[in-house]
Each structure stands twice: as C-alpha cells, then as structure tokens.
Amino acid sequence: SLDGAVGNRLVLLTPAAQTSIPRGL
C-alpha cells in the first residue's frame, strides 16, 4: 500500500525540471 496523504494534503509526483519520465508509478 502506497499512501500519499500528508495531513490533509496529497503529495504530487512529477518529473524534475528538464527531466523526461514516461511513468509516474
């Protein structure tokens, strides 16, 4: 189980600047 909750916020997964990534998970 992977849970991205931080309090009442959700963690955003995104590529770093100038980085191309085809899949998040």
mmCIF file of all heavy atoms, coordinates in Angstrom:
data_MODEL
# 
_entry.id   MODEL 
# 
loop_
_atom_site.group_PDB 
_atom_site.id 
_atom_site.type_symbol 
_atom_site.label_atom_id 
_atom_site.label_alt_id 
_atom_site.label_comp_id 
_atom_site.label_asym_id 
_atom_site.label_entity_id 
_atom_site.label_seq_id 
_atom_site.pdbx_PDB_ins_code 
_atom_site.Cartn_x 
_atom_site.Cartn_y 
_atom_site.Cartn_z 
_atom_site.occupancy 
_atom_site.B_iso_or_equiv 
_atom_site.pdbx_formal_charge 
_atom_site.auth_seq_id 
_atom_site.auth_comp_id 
_atom_site.auth_asym_id 
_atom_site.auth_atom_id 
_atom_site.pdbx_PDB_model_num 
ATOM 1   N N   . SER A 1 1  ? 0.849  -1.187 0.000   1.00 0.00 ? 1  SER A N   1 
ATOM 2   C CA  . SER A 1 1  ? 0.000  0.000  0.000   1.00 0.00 ? 1  SER A CA  1 
ATOM 3   C C   . SER A 1 1  ? 0.888  1.240  0.000   1.00 0.00 ? 1  SER A C   1 
ATOM 4   O O   . SER A 1 1  ? 1.806  1.357  0.821   1.00 0.00 ? 1  SER A O   1 
ATOM 5   C CB  . SER A 1 1  ? -0.904 0.007  1.237   1.00 0.00 ? 1  SER A CB  1 
ATOM 6   O OG  . SER A 1 1  ? -1.616 1.229  1.328   1.00 0.00 ? 1  SER A OG  1 
ATOM 7   N N   . LEU A 1 2  ? 0.613  2.167  -0.925  1.00 0.00 ? 2  LEU A N   1 
ATOM 8   C CA  . LEU A 1 2  ? 1.338  3.437  -1.008  1.00 0.00 ? 2  LEU A CA  1 
ATOM 9   C C   . LEU A 1 2  ? 0.331  4.559  -0.797  1.00 0.00 ? 2  LEU A C   1 
ATOM 10  O O   . LEU A 1 2  ? -0.619 4.707  -1.575  1.00 0.00 ? 2  LEU A O   1 
ATOM 11  C CB  . LEU A 1 2  ? 2.034  3.579  -2.365  1.00 0.00 ? 2  LEU A CB  1 
ATOM 12  C CG  . LEU A 1 2  ? 2.674  4.928  -2.693  1.00 0.00 ? 2  LEU A CG  1 
ATOM 13  C CD1 . LEU A 1 2  ? 3.704  5.321  -1.642  1.00 0.00 ? 2  LEU A CD1 1 
ATOM 14  C CD2 . LEU A 1 2  ? 3.325  4.888  -4.079  1.00 0.00 ? 2  LEU A CD2 1 
ATOM 15  N N   . ASP A 1 3  ? 0.525  5.347  0.255   1.00 0.00 ? 3  ASP A N   1 
ATOM 16  C CA  . ASP A 1 3  ? -0.427 6.390  0.651   1.00 0.00 ? 3  ASP A CA  1 
ATOM 17  C C   . ASP A 1 3  ? 0.286  7.738  0.640   1.00 0.00 ? 3  ASP A C   1 
ATOM 18  O O   . ASP A 1 3  ? 1.241  7.954  1.382   1.00 0.00 ? 3  ASP A O   1 
ATOM 19  C CB  . ASP A 1 3  ? -0.962 6.076  2.056   1.00 0.00 ? 3  ASP A CB  1 
ATOM 20  C CG  . ASP A 1 3  ? -2.088 7.008  2.492   1.00 0.00 ? 3  ASP A CG  1 
ATOM 21  O OD1 . ASP A 1 3  ? -2.236 8.096  1.907   1.00 0.00 ? 3  ASP A OD1 1 
ATOM 22  O OD2 . ASP A 1 3  ? -2.824 6.641  3.426   1.00 0.00 ? 3  ASP A OD2 1 
ATOM 23  N N   . GLY A 1 4  ? -0.199 8.656  -0.215  1.00 0.00 ? 4  GLY A N   1 
ATOM 24  C CA  . GLY A 1 4  ? 0.464  9.949  -0.380  1.00 0.00 ? 4  GLY A CA  1 
ATOM 25  C C   . GLY A 1 4  ? -0.102 11.069 0.464   1.00 0.00 ? 4  GLY A C   1 
ATOM 26  O O   . GLY A 1 4  ? 0.227  12.235 0.236   1.00 0.00 ? 4  GLY A O   1 
ATOM 27  N N   . ALA A 1 5  ? -0.943 10.755 1.454   1.00 0.00 ? 5  ALA A N   1 
ATOM 28  C CA  . ALA A 1 5  ? -1.521 11.807 2.288   1.00 0.00 ? 5  ALA A CA  1 
ATOM 29  C C   . ALA A 1 5  ? -0.476 12.377 3.244   1.00 0.00 ? 5  ALA A C   1 
ATOM 30  O O   . ALA A 1 5  ? 0.260  11.639 3.892   1.00 0.00 ? 5  ALA A O   1 
ATOM 31  C CB  . ALA A 1 5  ? -2.710 11.264 3.068   1.00 0.00 ? 5  ALA A CB  1 
ATOM 32  N N   . VAL A 1 6  ? -0.424 13.709 3.317   1.00 0.00 ? 6  VAL A N   1 
ATOM 33  C CA  . VAL A 1 6  ? 0.383  14.405 4.330   1.00 0.00 ? 6  VAL A CA  1 
ATOM 34  C C   . VAL A 1 6  ? -0.576 15.363 5.027   1.00 0.00 ? 6  VAL A C   1 
ATOM 35  O O   . VAL A 1 6  ? -0.857 16.450 4.522   1.00 0.00 ? 6  VAL A O   1 
ATOM 36  C CB  . VAL A 1 6  ? 1.563  15.169 3.702   1.00 0.00 ? 6  VAL A CB  1 
ATOM 37  C CG1 . VAL A 1 6  ? 2.344  15.902 4.786   1.00 0.00 ? 6  VAL A CG1 1 
ATOM 38  C CG2 . VAL A 1 6  ? 2.482  14.230 2.950   1.00 0.00 ? 6  VAL A CG2 1 
ATOM 39  N N   . GLY A 1 7  ? -1.102 14.945 6.173   1.00 0.00 ? 7  GLY A N   1 
ATOM 40  C CA  . GLY A 1 7  ? -2.182 15.716 6.781   1.00 0.00 ? 7  GLY A CA  1 
ATOM 41  C C   . GLY A 1 7  ? -3.378 15.691 5.838   1.00 0.00 ? 7  GLY A C   1 
ATOM 42  O O   . GLY A 1 7  ? -3.824 14.628 5.408   1.00 0.00 ? 7  GLY A O   1 
ATOM 43  N N   . ASN A 1 8  ? -3.882 16.892 5.487   1.00 0.00 ? 8  ASN A N   1 
ATOM 44  C CA  . ASN A 1 8  ? -4.999 16.964 4.542   1.00 0.00 ? 8  ASN A CA  1 
ATOM 45  C C   . ASN A 1 8  ? -4.536 17.311 3.128   1.00 0.00 ? 8  ASN A C   1 
ATOM 46  O O   . ASN A 1 8  ? -5.320 17.725 2.285   1.00 0.00 ? 8  ASN A O   1 
ATOM 47  C CB  . ASN A 1 8  ? -6.042 17.985 5.017   1.00 0.00 ? 8  ASN A CB  1 
ATOM 48  C CG  . ASN A 1 8  ? -5.466 19.391 5.122   1.00 0.00 ? 8  ASN A CG  1 
ATOM 49  O OD1 . ASN A 1 8  ? -4.270 19.592 4.945   1.00 0.00 ? 8  ASN A OD1 1 
ATOM 50  N ND2 . ASN A 1 8  ? -6.309 20.358 5.406   1.00 0.00 ? 8  ASN A ND2 1 
ATOM 51  N N   . ARG A 1 9  ? -3.249 17.164 2.860   1.00 0.00 ? 9  ARG A N   1 
ATOM 52  C CA  . ARG A 1 9  ? -2.673 17.420 1.534   1.00 0.00 ? 9  ARG A CA  1 
ATOM 53  C C   . ARG A 1 9  ? -2.280 16.107 0.874   1.00 0.00 ? 9  ARG A C   1 
ATOM 54  O O   . ARG A 1 9  ? -2.045 15.094 1.540   1.00 0.00 ? 9  ARG A O   1 
ATOM 55  C CB  . ARG A 1 9  ? -1.429 18.322 1.646   1.00 0.00 ? 9  ARG A CB  1 
ATOM 56  C CG  . ARG A 1 9  ? -1.653 19.606 2.430   1.00 0.00 ? 9  ARG A CG  1 
ATOM 57  C CD  . ARG A 1 9  ? -2.493 20.596 1.672   1.00 0.00 ? 9  ARG A CD  1 
ATOM 58  N NE  . ARG A 1 9  ? -2.624 21.851 2.389   1.00 0.00 ? 9  ARG A NE  1 
ATOM 59  C CZ  . ARG A 1 9  ? -3.277 22.906 1.924   1.00 0.00 ? 9  ARG A CZ  1 
ATOM 60  N NH1 . ARG A 1 9  ? -3.864 22.861 0.743   1.00 0.00 ? 9  ARG A NH1 1 
ATOM 61  N NH2 . ARG A 1 9  ? -3.361 24.019 2.651   1.00 0.00 ? 9  ARG A NH2 1 
ATOM 62  N N   . LEU A 1 10 ? -2.168 16.143 -0.452  1.00 0.00 ? 10 LEU A N   1 
ATOM 63  C CA  . LEU A 1 10 ? -1.720 14.986 -1.216  1.00 0.00 ? 10 LEU A CA  1 
ATOM 64  C C   . LEU A 1 10 ? -0.371 15.289 -1.844  1.00 0.00 ? 10 LEU A C   1 
ATOM 65  O O   . LEU A 1 10 ? -0.173 16.352 -2.432  1.00 0.00 ? 10 LEU A O   1 
ATOM 66  C CB  . LEU A 1 10 ? -2.724 14.638 -2.328  1.00 0.00 ? 10 LEU A CB  1 
ATOM 67  C CG  . LEU A 1 10 ? -4.191 14.463 -1.936  1.00 0.00 ? 10 LEU A CG  1 
ATOM 68  C CD1 . LEU A 1 10 ? -4.997 13.998 -3.154  1.00 0.00 ? 10 LEU A CD1 1 
ATOM 69  C CD2 . LEU A 1 10 ? -4.344 13.494 -0.787  1.00 0.00 ? 10 LEU A CD2 1 
ATOM 70  N N   . VAL A 1 11 ? 0.557  14.362 -1.732  1.00 0.00 ? 11 VAL A N   1 
ATOM 71  C CA  . VAL A 1 11 ? 1.870  14.515 -2.354  1.00 0.00 ? 11 VAL A CA  1 
ATOM 72  C C   . VAL A 1 11 ? 1.716  14.480 -3.876  1.00 0.00 ? 11 VAL A C   1 
ATOM 73  O O   . VAL A 1 11 ? 1.000  13.637 -4.426  1.00 0.00 ? 11 VAL A O   1 
ATOM 74  C CB  . VAL A 1 11 ? 2.829  13.401 -1.896  1.00 0.00 ? 11 VAL A CB  1 
ATOM 75  C CG1 . VAL A 1 11 ? 4.109  13.390 -2.735  1.00 0.00 ? 11 VAL A CG1 1 
ATOM 76  C CG2 . VAL A 1 11 ? 3.173  13.572 -0.416  1.00 0.00 ? 11 VAL A CG2 1 
ATOM 77  N N   . LEU A 1 12 ? 2.370  15.418 -4.549  1.00 0.00 ? 12 LEU A N   1 
ATOM 78  C CA  . LEU A 1 12 ? 2.426  15.440 -6.008  1.00 0.00 ? 12 LEU A CA  1 
ATOM 79  C C   . LEU A 1 12 ? 3.709  14.774 -6.475  1.00 0.00 ? 12 LEU A C   1 
ATOM 80  O O   . LEU A 1 12 ? 4.803  15.143 -6.044  1.00 0.00 ? 12 LEU A O   1 
ATOM 81  C CB  . LEU A 1 12 ? 2.391  16.882 -6.527  1.00 0.00 ? 12 LEU A CB  1 
ATOM 82  C CG  . LEU A 1 12 ? 2.680  17.081 -8.023  1.00 0.00 ? 12 LEU A CG  1 
ATOM 83  C CD1 . LEU A 1 12 ? 1.595  16.473 -8.888  1.00 0.00 ? 12 LEU A CD1 1 
ATOM 84  C CD2 . LEU A 1 12 ? 2.867  18.566 -8.348  1.00 0.00 ? 12 LEU A CD2 1 
ATOM 85  N N   . LEU A 1 13 ? 3.580  13.781 -7.365  1.00 0.00 ? 13 LEU A N   1 
ATOM 86  C CA  . LEU A 1 13 ? 4.735  13.190 -8.037  1.00 0.00 ? 13 LEU A CA  1 
ATOM 87  C C   . LEU A 1 13 ? 4.832  13.815 -9.416  1.00 0.00 ? 13 LEU A C   1 
ATOM 88  O O   . LEU A 1 13 ? 3.859  13.809 -10.186 1.00 0.00 ? 13 LEU A O   1 
ATOM 89  C CB  . LEU A 1 13 ? 4.582  11.670 -8.164  1.00 0.00 ? 13 LEU A CB  1 
ATOM 90  C CG  . LEU A 1 13 ? 4.500  10.849 -6.876  1.00 0.00 ? 13 LEU A CG  1 
ATOM 91  C CD1 . LEU A 1 13 ? 4.463  9.358  -7.217  1.00 0.00 ? 13 LEU A CD1 1 
ATOM 92  C CD2 . LEU A 1 13 ? 5.662  11.159 -5.950  1.00 0.00 ? 13 LEU A CD2 1 
ATOM 93  N N   . THR A 1 14 ? 6.005  14.339 -9.764  1.00 0.00 ? 14 THR A N   1 
ATOM 94  C CA  . THR A 1 14 ? 6.201  14.978 -11.058 1.00 0.00 ? 14 THR A CA  1 
ATOM 95  C C   . THR A 1 14 ? 7.677  14.911 -11.409 1.00 0.00 ? 14 THR A C   1 
ATOM 96  O O   . THR A 1 14 ? 8.532  14.873 -10.519 1.00 0.00 ? 14 THR A O   1 
ATOM 97  C CB  . THR A 1 14 ? 5.706  16.444 -11.027 1.00 0.00 ? 14 THR A CB  1 
ATOM 98  O OG1 . THR A 1 14 ? 5.645  16.973 -12.348 1.00 0.00 ? 14 THR A OG1 1 
ATOM 99  C CG2 . THR A 1 14 ? 6.592  17.321 -10.163 1.00 0.00 ? 14 THR A CG2 1 
ATOM 100 N N   . PRO A 1 15 ? 8.040  14.876 -12.693 1.00 0.00 ? 15 PRO A N   1 
ATOM 101 C CA  . PRO A 1 15 ? 9.462  14.887 -13.045 1.00 0.00 ? 15 PRO A CA  1 
ATOM 102 C C   . PRO A 1 15 ? 10.109 16.224 -12.673 1.00 0.00 ? 15 PRO A C   1 
ATOM 103 O O   . PRO A 1 15 ? 9.464  17.280 -12.730 1.00 0.00 ? 15 PRO A O   1 
ATOM 104 C CB  . PRO A 1 15 ? 9.450  14.700 -14.569 1.00 0.00 ? 15 PRO A CB  1 
ATOM 105 C CG  . PRO A 1 15 ? 8.125  14.074 -14.873 1.00 0.00 ? 15 PRO A CG  1 
ATOM 106 C CD  . PRO A 1 15 ? 7.187  14.667 -13.878 1.00 0.00 ? 15 PRO A CD  1 
ATOM 107 N N   . ALA A 1 16 ? 11.374 16.165 -12.300 1.00 0.00 ? 16 ALA A N   1 
ATOM 108 C CA  . ALA A 1 16 ? 12.121 17.392 -12.052 1.00 0.00 ? 16 ALA A CA  1 
ATOM 109 C C   . ALA A 1 16 ? 12.265 18.179 -13.351 1.00 0.00 ? 16 ALA A C   1 
ATOM 110 O O   . ALA A 1 16 ? 12.084 17.645 -14.449 1.00 0.00 ? 16 ALA A O   1 
ATOM 111 C CB  . ALA A 1 16 ? 13.491 17.046 -11.475 1.00 0.00 ? 16 ALA A CB  1 
ATOM 112 N N   . ALA A 1 17 ? 12.579 19.451 -13.222 1.00 0.00 ? 17 ALA A N   1 
ATOM 113 C CA  . ALA A 1 17 ? 12.745 20.312 -14.400 1.00 0.00 ? 17 ALA A CA  1 
ATOM 114 C C   . ALA A 1 17 ? 13.775 19.714 -15.349 1.00 0.00 ? 17 ALA A C   1 
ATOM 115 O O   . ALA A 1 17 ? 14.794 19.146 -14.916 1.00 0.00 ? 17 ALA A O   1 
ATOM 116 C CB  . ALA A 1 17 ? 13.172 21.706 -13.954 1.00 0.00 ? 17 ALA A CB  1 
ATOM 117 N N   . GLN A 1 18 ? 13.498 19.816 -16.633 1.00 0.00 ? 18 GLN A N   1 
ATOM 118 C CA  . GLN A 1 18 ? 14.388 19.320 -17.687 1.00 0.00 ? 18 GLN A CA  1 
ATOM 119 C C   . GLN A 1 18 ? 14.584 17.811 -17.621 1.00 0.00 ? 18 GLN A C   1 
ATOM 120 O O   . GLN A 1 18 ? 15.587 17.282 -18.099 1.00 0.00 ? 18 GLN A O   1 
ATOM 121 C CB  . GLN A 1 18 ? 15.760 20.025 -17.620 1.00 0.00 ? 18 GLN A CB  1 
ATOM 122 C CG  . GLN A 1 18 ? 15.705 21.536 -17.560 1.00 0.00 ? 18 GLN A CG  1 
ATOM 123 C CD  . GLN A 1 18 ? 14.928 22.137 -18.718 1.00 0.00 ? 18 GLN A CD  1 
ATOM 124 O OE1 . GLN A 1 18 ? 15.117 21.762 -19.863 1.00 0.00 ? 18 GLN A OE1 1 
ATOM 125 N NE2 . GLN A 1 18 ? 14.041 23.074 -18.413 1.00 0.00 ? 18 GLN A NE2 1 
ATOM 126 N N   . THR A 1 19 ? 13.630 17.106 -17.002 1.00 0.00 ? 19 THR A N   1 
ATOM 127 C CA  . THR A 1 19 ? 13.702 15.655 -16.901 1.00 0.00 ? 19 THR A CA  1 
ATOM 128 C C   . THR A 1 19 ? 12.455 15.047 -17.528 1.00 0.00 ? 19 THR A C   1 
ATOM 129 O O   . THR A 1 19 ? 11.339 15.466 -17.222 1.00 0.00 ? 19 THR A O   1 
ATOM 130 C CB  . THR A 1 19 ? 13.789 15.211 -15.427 1.00 0.00 ? 19 THR A CB  1 
ATOM 131 O OG1 . THR A 1 19 ? 14.930 15.833 -14.827 1.00 0.00 ? 19 THR A OG1 1 
ATOM 132 C CG2 . THR A 1 19 ? 13.932 13.705 -15.315 1.00 0.00 ? 19 THR A CG2 1 
ATOM 133 N N   . SER A 1 20 ? 12.639 14.088 -18.420 1.00 0.00 ? 20 SER A N   1 
ATOM 134 C CA  . SER A 1 20 ? 11.507 13.414 -19.061 1.00 0.00 ? 20 SER A CA  1 
ATOM 135 C C   . SER A 1 20 ? 11.365 12.014 -18.473 1.00 0.00 ? 20 SER A C   1 
ATOM 136 O O   . SER A 1 20 ? 12.300 11.215 -18.522 1.00 0.00 ? 20 SER A O   1 
ATOM 137 C CB  . SER A 1 20 ? 11.720 13.325 -20.575 1.00 0.00 ? 20 SER A CB  1 
ATOM 138 O OG  . SER A 1 20 ? 10.661 12.623 -21.188 1.00 0.00 ? 20 SER A OG  1 
ATOM 139 N N   . ILE A 1 21 ? 10.197 11.737 -17.879 1.00 0.00 ? 21 ILE A N   1 
ATOM 140 C CA  . ILE A 1 21 ? 9.926  10.429 -17.276 1.00 0.00 ? 21 ILE A CA  1 
ATOM 141 C C   . ILE A 1 21 ? 8.580  9.953  -17.800 1.00 0.00 ? 21 ILE A C   1 
ATOM 142 O O   . ILE A 1 21 ? 7.579  10.659 -17.642 1.00 0.00 ? 21 ILE A O   1 
ATOM 143 C CB  . ILE A 1 21 ? 9.918  10.514 -15.741 1.00 0.00 ? 21 ILE A CB  1 
ATOM 144 C CG1 . ILE A 1 21 ? 11.295 10.978 -15.223 1.00 0.00 ? 21 ILE A CG1 1 
ATOM 145 C CG2 . ILE A 1 21 ? 9.557  9.166  -15.123 1.00 0.00 ? 21 ILE A CG2 1 
ATOM 146 C CD1 . ILE A 1 21 ? 11.358 11.154 -13.717 1.00 0.00 ? 21 ILE A CD1 1 
ATOM 147 N N   . PRO A 1 22 ? 8.516  8.784  -18.434 1.00 0.00 ? 22 PRO A N   1 
ATOM 148 C CA  . PRO A 1 22 ? 7.264  8.362  -19.060 1.00 0.00 ? 22 PRO A CA  1 
ATOM 149 C C   . PRO A 1 22 ? 6.191  7.867  -18.099 1.00 0.00 ? 22 PRO A C   1 
ATOM 150 O O   . PRO A 1 22 ? 5.011  7.922  -18.416 1.00 0.00 ? 22 PRO A O   1 
ATOM 151 C CB  . PRO A 1 22 ? 7.700  7.232  -20.000 1.00 0.00 ? 22 PRO A CB  1 
ATOM 152 C CG  . PRO A 1 22 ? 8.947  6.692  -19.397 1.00 0.00 ? 22 PRO A CG  1 
ATOM 153 C CD  . PRO A 1 22 ? 9.632  7.862  -18.763 1.00 0.00 ? 22 PRO A CD  1 
ATOM 154 N N   . ARG A 1 23 ? 6.585  7.362  -16.909 1.00 0.00 ? 23 ARG A N   1 
ATOM 155 C CA  . ARG A 1 23 ? 5.619  6.786  -15.981 1.00 0.00 ? 23 ARG A CA  1 
ATOM 156 C C   . ARG A 1 23 ? 5.836  7.325  -14.571 1.00 0.00 ? 23 ARG A C   1 
ATOM 157 O O   . ARG A 1 23 ? 6.978  7.433  -14.117 1.00 0.00 ? 23 ARG A O   1 
ATOM 158 C CB  . ARG A 1 23 ? 5.747  5.251  -15.929 1.00 0.00 ? 23 ARG A CB  1 
ATOM 159 C CG  . ARG A 1 23 ? 5.367  4.548  -17.217 1.00 0.00 ? 23 ARG A CG  1 
ATOM 160 C CD  . ARG A 1 23 ? 5.632  3.048  -17.134 1.00 0.00 ? 23 ARG A CD  1 
ATOM 161 N NE  . ARG A 1 23 ? 7.031  2.734  -16.885 1.00 0.00 ? 23 ARG A NE  1 
ATOM 162 C CZ  . ARG A 1 23 ? 7.986  2.776  -17.820 1.00 0.00 ? 23 ARG A CZ  1 
ATOM 163 N NH1 . ARG A 1 23 ? 7.685  3.102  -19.061 1.00 0.00 ? 23 ARG A NH1 1 
ATOM 164 N NH2 . ARG A 1 23 ? 9.230  2.484  -17.508 1.00 0.00 ? 23 ARG A NH2 1 
ATOM 165 N N   . GLY A 1 24 ? 4.721  7.624  -13.901 1.00 0.00 ? 24 GLY A N   1 
ATOM 166 C CA  . GLY A 1 24 ? 4.844  8.016  -12.500 1.00 0.00 ? 24 GLY A CA  1 
ATOM 167 C C   . GLY A 1 24 ? 5.095  6.807  -11.626 1.00 0.00 ? 24 GLY A C   1 
ATOM 168 O O   . GLY A 1 24 ? 6.098  6.721  -10.928 1.00 0.00 ? 24 GLY A O   1 
ATOM 169 N N   . LEU A 1 25 ? 4.169  5.845  -11.662 1.00 0.00 ? 25 LEU A N   1 
ATOM 170 C CA  . LEU A 1 25 ? 4.318  4.589  -10.929 1.00 0.00 ? 25 LEU A CA  1 
ATOM 171 C C   . LEU A 1 25 ? 4.056  3.433  -11.880 1.00 0.00 ? 25 LEU A C   1 
ATOM 172 O O   . LEU A 1 25 ? 3.135  3.489  -12.699 1.00 0.00 ? 25 LEU A O   1 
ATOM 173 C CB  . LEU A 1 25 ? 3.336  4.508  -9.760  1.00 0.00 ? 25 LEU A CB  1 
ATOM 174 C CG  . LEU A 1 25 ? 3.538  5.506  -8.606  1.00 0.00 ? 25 LEU A CG  1 
ATOM 175 C CD1 . LEU A 1 25 ? 2.384  5.404  -7.623  1.00 0.00 ? 25 LEU A CD1 1 
ATOM 176 C CD2 . LEU A 1 25 ? 4.868  5.266  -7.899  1.00 0.00 ? 25 LEU A CD2 1 
# 
